[in-house]
Amino acid sequence: MGIAGGLTAAGGTVLAAGEHEHDERSTADEKPTDDMAPGAAVRIAHFSPDAPNVDVYIDDDRVLADVAYGDVSPYLEIEPGTYTVTITAAGDRETVAFEGEVTFGAAFYTVAAIGEFGADTFQPAVLVDAGSVLVRLVHASPDAPAVDVYADDTLLFEDVSFTDSTDYVPVPAGQNTLSVRPTGGTEAVASFDVTLERGIAYTGYAIGYLEPPTDVADRELTVEVTVDGPMADDGGT
């Protein structure tokens, strides 16, 4: 499904791709993916005041576990398309609070669980989130060590080695100061300002030499940012 994993929500857990309770699918069951194309970014917010902690499934894959009232998950990256979204009581697959089809375009979404669980008004409000872009990193500097990349003071990418490419991550649109640091370090080896337009996907290429040879002394480490394309439409439900 192309779900980004290894993240932890406040009070809930985002499950890694392929981490399913009952995974009997074959490779043919998977939706086709294109690692080079930006996808949809979806987060879940639990705002139903009388509901228990919940689990969230997308096409029978449990992607969030034990999400408590007031929690907002990190963004999950999925392929644009129509999915069956199911919200159940945590640890109880048979107690279904909501199940229905939701269509996601190549954009950012918040699916907010609202209403009351006991009064049968529990429902998801699917909102398109404005003001974000998608960014990924390609480490193409042959003499640079593994690096961390920050946007202002927010860690975007961690421990990226030469030839590695990351998944897309959401970043606020507008002016950002990007800094490249050796993994675990606090001092930037390169830093520059970049303006990112809302609704656009970008790739940042770390290029050049950390310590340039004398015959190419002007080819110092920098990050070249390219536009990959618009994030298409906002989709709908």
C-alpha atoms as a PDB file:
ATOM      1  CA  MET A   1       0.000   0.000   0.000  1.00  0.00           C
ATOM      2  CA  GLY A   2       2.948   2.334   0.298  1.00  0.00           C
ATOM      3  CA  ILE A   3       2.201   3.224   3.901  1.00  0.00           C
ATOM      4  CA  ALA A   4       5.057   4.921   5.691  1.00  0.00           C
ATOM      5  CA  GLY A   5       5.799   3.200   8.968  1.00  0.00           C
ATOM      6  CA  GLY A   6       8.021   3.376  11.994  1.00  0.00           C
ATOM      7  CA  LEU A   7       6.284   6.459  13.379  1.00  0.00           C
ATOM      8  CA  THR A   8       4.670   6.869  16.787  1.00  0.00           C
ATOM      9  CA  ALA A   9       1.536   8.901  17.371  1.00  0.00           C
ATOM     10  CA  ALA A  10       0.781  10.451  20.746  1.00  0.00           C
ATOM     11  CA  GLY A  11      -0.964   7.621  22.531  1.00  0.00           C
ATOM     12  CA  GLY A  12      -1.152   5.462  19.409  1.00  0.00           C
ATOM     13  CA  THR A  13       1.142   3.520  17.145  1.00  0.00           C
ATOM     14  CA  VAL A  14       1.615   3.781  13.393  1.00  0.00           C
ATOM     15  CA  LEU A  15       2.308   0.314  12.037  1.00  0.00           C
ATOM     16  CA  ALA A  16       5.065  -0.243   9.513  1.00  0.00           C
ATOM     17  CA  ALA A  17       4.315  -1.301   5.964  1.00  0.00           C
ATOM     18  CA  GLY A  18       3.750  -5.043   5.860  1.00  0.00           C
ATOM     19  CA  GLU A  19       2.925  -5.230   9.584  1.00  0.00           C
ATOM     20  CA  HIS A  20      -0.531  -6.790   9.491  1.00  0.00           C
ATOM     21  CA  GLU A  21      -2.309  -9.010  11.995  1.00  0.00           C
ATOM     22  CA  HIS A  22      -3.627 -11.418   9.358  1.00  0.00           C
ATOM     23  CA  ASP A  23      -1.721 -10.843   6.151  1.00  0.00           C
ATOM     24  CA  GLU A  24      -2.870 -13.437   3.610  1.00  0.00           C
ATOM     25  CA  ARG A  25      -2.449 -11.218   0.567  1.00  0.00           C
ATOM     26  CA  SER A  26      -0.293 -12.167  -2.372  1.00  0.00           C
ATOM     27  CA  THR A  27       1.868  -9.753  -4.313  1.00  0.00           C
ATOM     28  CA  ALA A  28      -0.889  -9.591  -6.924  1.00  0.00           C
ATOM     29  CA  ASP A  29      -3.241  -8.121  -4.289  1.00  0.00           C
ATOM     30  CA  GLU A  30      -1.080  -5.041  -3.830  1.00  0.00           C
ATOM     31  CA  LYS A  31      -1.957  -1.751  -5.490  1.00  0.00           C
ATOM     32  CA  PRO A  32       0.702  -0.765  -8.033  1.00  0.00           C
ATOM     33  CA  THR A  33       3.147   1.792  -6.708  1.00  0.00           C
ATOM     34  CA  ASP A  34       5.564   4.266  -8.223  1.00  0.00           C
ATOM     35  CA  ASP A  35       8.288   5.258  -5.779  1.00  0.00           C
ATOM     36  CA  MET A  36       9.159   8.248  -7.929  1.00  0.00           C
ATOM     37  CA  ALA A  37       5.681   9.815  -7.810  1.00  0.00           C
ATOM     38  CA  PRO A  38       4.282  11.904  -4.951  1.00  0.00           C
ATOM     39  CA  GLY A  39       1.366  10.303  -3.180  1.00  0.00           C
ATOM     40  CA  ALA A  40      -1.345  11.270  -0.759  1.00  0.00           C
ATOM     41  CA  ALA A  41      -0.433  12.193   2.814  1.00  0.00           C
ATOM     42  CA  VAL A  42      -3.111  11.294   5.359  1.00  0.00           C
ATOM     43  CA  ARG A  43      -3.285  11.770   9.112  1.00  0.00           C
ATOM     44  CA  ILE A  44      -5.971  10.694  11.579  1.00  0.00           C
ATOM     45  CA  ALA A  45      -7.385  12.812  14.423  1.00  0.00           C
ATOM     46  CA  HIS A  46      -9.525  11.295  17.226  1.00  0.00           C
ATOM     47  CA  PHE A  47     -12.008  13.988  18.278  1.00  0.00           C
ATOM     48  CA  SER A  48     -14.998  11.855  19.369  1.00  0.00           C
ATOM     49  CA  PRO A  49     -15.376  12.636  23.090  1.00  0.00           C
ATOM     50  CA  ASP A  50     -17.211   9.481  24.189  1.00  0.00           C
ATOM     51  CA  ALA A  51     -15.405   7.009  21.931  1.00  0.00           C
ATOM     52  CA  PRO A  52     -12.855   4.540  23.280  1.00  0.00           C
ATOM     53  CA  ASN A  53      -9.339   4.303  21.946  1.00  0.00           C
ATOM     54  CA  VAL A  54      -9.523   3.189  18.326  1.00  0.00           C
ATOM     55  CA  ASP A  55      -7.672   1.234  15.659  1.00  0.00           C
ATOM     56  CA  VAL A  56      -7.713   2.466  12.048  1.00  0.00           C
ATOM     57  CA  TYR A  57      -7.628   0.185   9.014  1.00  0.00           C
ATOM     58  CA  ILE A  58      -7.103   1.051   5.354  1.00  0.00           C
ATOM     59  CA  ASP A  59      -8.191  -1.771   3.034  1.00  0.00           C
ATOM     60  CA  ASP A  60      -8.009  -4.230   5.989  1.00  0.00           C
ATOM     61  CA  ASP A  61      -4.452  -3.173   6.870  1.00  0.00           C
ATOM     62  CA  ARG A  62      -4.274  -1.834  10.418  1.00  0.00           C
ATOM     63  CA  VAL A  63      -2.256   1.371  10.061  1.00  0.00           C
ATOM     64  CA  LEU A  64      -2.932   2.942  13.469  1.00  0.00           C
ATOM     65  CA  ALA A  65      -3.381   1.188  16.800  1.00  0.00           C
ATOM     66  CA  ASP A  66      -4.779   2.364  20.144  1.00  0.00           C
ATOM     67  CA  VAL A  67      -5.370   6.011  19.200  1.00  0.00           C
ATOM     68  CA  ALA A  68      -6.771   7.971  22.151  1.00  0.00           C
ATOM     69  CA  TYR A  69      -9.185  10.921  22.251  1.00  0.00           C
ATOM     70  CA  GLY A  70      -7.375  14.119  21.286  1.00  0.00           C
ATOM     71  CA  ASP A  71      -4.541  12.367  19.458  1.00  0.00           C
ATOM     72  CA  VAL A  72      -3.465  13.433  15.961  1.00  0.00           C
ATOM     73  CA  SER A  73      -1.289  10.929  14.100  1.00  0.00           C
ATOM     74  CA  PRO A  74       1.716  11.705  11.929  1.00  0.00           C
ATOM     75  CA  TYR A  75       1.030  11.810   8.193  1.00  0.00           C
ATOM     76  CA  LEU A  76       0.865   8.415   6.480  1.00  0.00           C
ATOM     77  CA  GLU A  77       1.951   8.233   2.843  1.00  0.00           C
ATOM     78  CA  ILE A  78      -0.374   6.225   0.563  1.00  0.00           C
ATOM     79  CA  GLU A  79      -0.962   5.986  -3.154  1.00  0.00           C
ATOM     80  CA  PRO A  80      -3.807   8.231  -4.420  1.00  0.00           C
ATOM     81  CA  GLY A  81      -6.984   6.229  -4.931  1.00  0.00           C
ATOM     82  CA  THR A  82     -10.146   4.959  -3.262  1.00  0.00           C
ATOM     83  CA  TYR A  83      -9.783   2.936  -0.073  1.00  0.00           C
ATOM     84  CA  THR A  84     -12.053   1.322   2.486  1.00  0.00           C
ATOM     85  CA  VAL A  85     -11.399   3.106   5.785  1.00  0.00           C
ATOM     86  CA  THR A  86     -12.494   1.266   8.929  1.00  0.00           C
ATOM     87  CA  ILE A  87     -12.365   2.606  12.488  1.00  0.00           C
ATOM     88  CA  THR A  88     -12.891   0.121  15.321  1.00  0.00           C
ATOM     89  CA  ALA A  89     -12.576   0.003  19.075  1.00  0.00           C
ATOM     90  CA  ALA A  90      -8.933  -0.648  19.933  1.00  0.00           C
ATOM     91  CA  GLY A  91      -8.188  -4.356  19.971  1.00  0.00           C
ATOM     92  CA  ASP A  92     -11.757  -5.251  18.963  1.00  0.00           C
ATOM     93  CA  ARG A  93     -12.085  -5.746  15.196  1.00  0.00           C
ATOM     94  CA  GLU A  94     -15.795  -6.577  15.536  1.00  0.00           C
ATOM     95  CA  THR A  95     -16.812  -3.257  17.144  1.00  0.00           C
ATOM     96  CA  VAL A  96     -16.910  -1.034  14.062  1.00  0.00           C
ATOM     97  CA  ALA A  97     -17.481   2.684  14.577  1.00  0.00           C
ATOM     98  CA  PHE A  98     -17.167   3.541  10.885  1.00  0.00           C
ATOM     99  CA  GLU A  99     -16.542   1.746   7.622  1.00  0.00           C
ATOM    100  CA  GLY A 100     -16.765   3.358   4.209  1.00  0.00           C
ATOM    101  CA  GLU A 101     -14.929   4.280   1.035  1.00  0.00           C
ATOM    102  CA  VAL A 102     -12.791   7.415   0.946  1.00  0.00           C
ATOM    103  CA  THR A 103     -10.997   8.779  -2.125  1.00  0.00           C
ATOM    104  CA  PHE A 104      -7.654  10.511  -1.702  1.00  0.00           C
ATOM    105  CA  GLY A 105      -6.016  12.551  -4.444  1.00  0.00           C
ATOM    106  CA  ALA A 106      -2.357  13.585  -4.438  1.00  0.00           C
ATOM    107  CA  ALA A 107      -2.731  16.042  -1.578  1.00  0.00           C
ATOM    108  CA  PHE A 108      -2.605  16.298   2.224  1.00  0.00           C
ATOM    109  CA  TYR A 109      -5.607  15.190   4.281  1.00  0.00           C
ATOM    110  CA  THR A 110      -6.797  15.099   7.866  1.00  0.00           C
ATOM    111  CA  VAL A 111      -9.445  12.471   8.609  1.00  0.00           C
ATOM    112  CA  ALA A 112     -11.026  13.701  11.851  1.00  0.00           C
ATOM    113  CA  ALA A 113     -13.238  11.280  13.789  1.00  0.00           C
ATOM    114  CA  ILE A 114     -16.082  13.403  15.186  1.00  0.00           C
ATOM    115  CA  GLY A 115     -19.511  12.880  16.719  1.00  0.00           C
ATOM    116  CA  GLU A 116     -20.514  10.486  19.483  1.00  0.00           C
ATOM    117  CA  PHE A 117     -19.779   6.786  19.501  1.00  0.00           C
ATOM    118  CA  GLY A 118     -22.815   5.945  21.639  1.00  0.00           C
ATOM    119  CA  ALA A 119     -25.293   8.140  19.747  1.00  0.00           C
ATOM    120  CA  ASP A 120     -24.475   6.752  16.298  1.00  0.00           C
ATOM    121  CA  THR A 121     -23.255  10.163  15.110  1.00  0.00           C
ATOM    122  CA  PHE A 122     -19.619   8.998  14.932  1.00  0.00           C
ATOM    123  CA  GLN A 123     -18.211   9.847  11.485  1.00  0.00           C
ATOM    124  CA  PRO A 124     -14.999  10.938   9.777  1.00  0.00           C
ATOM    125  CA  ALA A 125     -14.675  14.496   8.497  1.00  0.00           C
ATOM    126  CA  VAL A 126     -12.243  14.363   5.560  1.00  0.00           C
ATOM    127  CA  LEU A 127     -10.419  17.668   5.221  1.00  0.00           C
ATOM    128  CA  VAL A 128      -7.883  18.775   2.627  1.00  0.00           C
ATOM    129  CA  ASP A 129      -4.917  20.380   4.398  1.00  0.00           C
ATOM    130  CA  ALA A 130      -3.588  23.519   2.727  1.00  0.00           C
ATOM    131  CA  GLY A 131      -0.155  24.986   3.085  1.00  0.00           C
ATOM    132  CA  SER A 132       2.105  21.954   2.659  1.00  0.00           C
ATOM    133  CA  VAL A 133       4.496  20.516   0.105  1.00  0.00           C
ATOM    134  CA  LEU A 134       6.205  17.138  -0.349  1.00  0.00           C
ATOM    135  CA  VAL A 135       9.993  16.896  -0.223  1.00  0.00           C
ATOM    136  CA  ARG A 136      12.440  13.995  -0.565  1.00  0.00           C
ATOM    137  CA  LEU A 137      16.238  13.781  -0.510  1.00  0.00           C
ATOM    138  CA  VAL A 138      18.830  12.079  -2.728  1.00  0.00           C
ATOM    139  CA  HIS A 139      22.375  11.860  -1.296  1.00  0.00           C
ATOM    140  CA  ALA A 140      24.689  12.273  -4.292  1.00  0.00           C
ATOM    141  CA  SER A 141      27.825  13.667  -2.645  1.00  0.00           C
ATOM    142  CA  PRO A 142      30.553  11.007  -2.966  1.00  0.00           C
ATOM    143  CA  ASP A 143      32.785  12.150  -0.098  1.00  0.00           C
ATOM    144  CA  ALA A 144      30.107  13.293   2.359  1.00  0.00           C
ATOM    145  CA  PRO A 145      29.238  11.052   5.310  1.00  0.00           C
ATOM    146  CA  ALA A 146      25.727   9.995   6.206  1.00  0.00           C
ATOM    147  CA  VAL A 147      23.741  13.159   6.898  1.00  0.00           C
ATOM    148  CA  ASP A 148      20.732  14.550   8.688  1.00  0.00           C
ATOM    149  CA  VAL A 149      18.742  17.321   6.998  1.00  0.00           C
ATOM    150  CA  TYR A 150      16.746  19.926   8.885  1.00  0.00           C
ATOM    151  CA  ALA A 151      14.140  22.449   7.762  1.00  0.00           C
ATOM    152  CA  ASP A 152      14.728  25.300  10.196  1.00  0.00           C
ATOM    153  CA  ASP A 153      14.968  23.311  13.464  1.00  0.00           C
ATOM    154  CA  THR A 154      12.805  20.362  12.376  1.00  0.00           C
ATOM    155  CA  LEU A 155      14.525  17.093  11.456  1.00  0.00           C
ATOM    156  CA  LEU A 156      13.332  15.981   8.010  1.00  0.00           C
ATOM    157  CA  PHE A 157      15.721  13.169   7.084  1.00  0.00           C
ATOM    158  CA  GLU A 158      18.003  11.133   9.322  1.00  0.00           C
ATOM    159  CA  ASP A 159      21.127   9.087   8.560  1.00  0.00           C
ATOM    160  CA  VAL A 160      20.941   9.345   4.755  1.00  0.00           C
ATOM    161  CA  SER A 161      24.026   7.798   3.120  1.00  0.00           C
ATOM    162  CA  PHE A 162      25.598   8.310  -0.309  1.00  0.00           C
ATOM    163  CA  THR A 163      23.282   6.952  -3.073  1.00  0.00           C
ATOM    164  CA  ASP A 164      20.307   6.765  -0.672  1.00  0.00           C
ATOM    165  CA  SER A 165      16.978   8.349  -1.608  1.00  0.00           C
ATOM    166  CA  THR A 166      14.226   8.981   0.915  1.00  0.00           C
ATOM    167  CA  ASP A 167      10.455   8.860   0.773  1.00  0.00           C
ATOM    168  CA  TYR A 168       8.527  12.105   0.415  1.00  0.00           C
ATOM    169  CA  VAL A 169       7.733  13.905   3.670  1.00  0.00           C
ATOM    170  CA  PRO A 170       5.391  16.865   4.262  1.00  0.00           C
ATOM    171  CA  VAL A 171       6.994  20.270   4.841  1.00  0.00           C
ATOM    172  CA  PRO A 172       5.268  23.625   5.419  1.00  0.00           C
ATOM    173  CA  ALA A 173       5.080  25.775   2.312  1.00  0.00           C
ATOM    174  CA  GLY A 174       6.942  29.065   2.198  1.00  0.00           C
ATOM    175  CA  GLN A 175      10.451  30.090   3.161  1.00  0.00           C
ATOM    176  CA  ASN A 176      12.532  27.330   4.755  1.00  0.00           C
ATOM    177  CA  THR A 177      16.167  27.230   5.827  1.00  0.00           C
ATOM    178  CA  LEU A 178      17.584  23.805   4.990  1.00  0.00           C
ATOM    179  CA  SER A 179      20.728  22.637   6.757  1.00  0.00           C
ATOM    180  CA  VAL A 180      22.817  19.517   6.173  1.00  0.00           C
ATOM    181  CA  ARG A 181      24.598  18.019   9.180  1.00  0.00           C
ATOM    182  CA  PRO A 182      26.674  14.882   9.695  1.00  0.00           C
ATOM    183  CA  THR A 183      24.383  12.271  11.243  1.00  0.00           C
ATOM    184  CA  GLY A 184      23.961  13.032  14.933  1.00  0.00           C
ATOM    185  CA  GLY A 185      25.889  16.290  14.649  1.00  0.00           C
ATOM    186  CA  THR A 186      24.798  19.789  15.592  1.00  0.00           C
ATOM    187  CA  GLU A 187      26.930  21.850  13.196  1.00  0.00           C
ATOM    188  CA  ALA A 188      25.726  22.365   9.613  1.00  0.00           C
ATOM    189  CA  VAL A 189      28.166  21.636   6.786  1.00  0.00           C
ATOM    190  CA  ALA A 190      25.837  23.396   4.329  1.00  0.00           C
ATOM    191  CA  SER A 191      22.876  25.693   4.835  1.00  0.00           C
ATOM    192  CA  PHE A 192      20.694  27.686   2.477  1.00  0.00           C
ATOM    193  CA  ASP A 193      17.249  29.240   2.102  1.00  0.00           C
ATOM    194  CA  VAL A 194      14.611  27.868  -0.245  1.00  0.00           C
ATOM    195  CA  THR A 195      11.040  28.888  -1.036  1.00  0.00           C
ATOM    196  CA  LEU A 196       8.618  25.967  -1.442  1.00  0.00           C
ATOM    197  CA  GLU A 197       5.246  26.484  -3.109  1.00  0.00           C
ATOM    198  CA  ARG A 198       2.099  24.888  -1.713  1.00  0.00           C
ATOM    199  CA  GLY A 199       0.918  21.779  -3.522  1.00  0.00           C
ATOM    200  CA  ILE A 200       4.243  21.020  -5.220  1.00  0.00           C
ATOM    201  CA  ALA A 201       6.512  17.985  -4.828  1.00  0.00           C
ATOM    202  CA  TYR A 202      10.278  18.565  -4.728  1.00  0.00           C
ATOM    203  CA  THR A 203      13.492  16.548  -4.656  1.00  0.00           C
ATOM    204  CA  GLY A 204      16.598  17.897  -2.956  1.00  0.00           C
ATOM    205  CA  TYR A 205      19.870  16.496  -4.319  1.00  0.00           C
ATOM    206  CA  ALA A 206      22.903  16.743  -2.030  1.00  0.00           C
ATOM    207  CA  ILE A 207      25.673  17.225  -4.607  1.00  0.00           C
ATOM    208  CA  GLY A 208      29.299  18.285  -4.820  1.00  0.00           C
ATOM    209  CA  TYR A 209      32.187  17.592  -2.445  1.00  0.00           C
ATOM    210  CA  LEU A 210      32.396  18.124   1.284  1.00  0.00           C
ATOM    211  CA  GLU A 211      36.144  18.641   0.695  1.00  0.00           C
ATOM    212  CA  PRO A 212      36.571  19.478  -3.024  1.00  0.00           C
ATOM    213  CA  PRO A 213      39.759  18.441  -4.857  1.00  0.00           C
ATOM    214  CA  THR A 214      41.879  21.394  -5.967  1.00  0.00           C
ATOM    215  CA  ASP A 215      40.986  20.963  -9.640  1.00  0.00           C
ATOM    216  CA  VAL A 216      37.258  21.370  -8.875  1.00  0.00           C
ATOM    217  CA  ALA A 217      37.532  23.585  -5.816  1.00  0.00           C
ATOM    218  CA  ASP A 218      34.313  25.423  -6.669  1.00  0.00           C
ATOM    219  CA  ARG A 219      32.160  22.287  -6.484  1.00  0.00           C
ATOM    220  CA  GLU A 220      31.399  22.410  -2.782  1.00  0.00           C
ATOM    221  CA  LEU A 221      28.600  20.516  -1.068  1.00  0.00           C
ATOM    222  CA  THR A 222      25.200  22.042  -1.739  1.00  0.00           C
ATOM    223  CA  VAL A 223      21.613  20.943  -2.222  1.00  0.00           C
ATOM    224  CA  GLU A 224      20.032  21.345  -5.655  1.00  0.00           C
ATOM    225  CA  VAL A 225      16.232  21.464  -5.417  1.00  0.00           C
ATOM    226  CA  THR A 226      14.155  20.357  -8.404  1.00  0.00           C
ATOM    227  CA  VAL A 227      10.410  20.533  -8.969  1.00  0.00           C
ATOM    228  CA  ASP A 228       8.960  17.051  -9.479  1.00  0.00           C
ATOM    229  CA  GLY A 229       5.481  18.273 -10.305  1.00  0.00           C
ATOM    230  CA  PRO A 230       2.208  19.408  -8.778  1.00  0.00           C
ATOM    231  CA  MET A 231       0.459  17.204  -6.260  1.00  0.00           C
ATOM    232  CA  ALA A 232      -2.414  17.010  -8.750  1.00  0.00           C
ATOM    233  CA  ASP A 233      -5.953  17.541  -7.462  1.00  0.00           C
ATOM    234  CA  ASP A 234      -7.409  17.623  -3.977  1.00  0.00           C
ATOM    235  CA  GLY A 235      -9.381  14.433  -4.512  1.00  0.00           C
ATOM    236  CA  GLY A 236     -12.632  14.043  -2.644  1.00  0.00           C
ATOM    237  CA  THR A 237     -14.782  11.620  -0.693  1.00  0.00           C
END
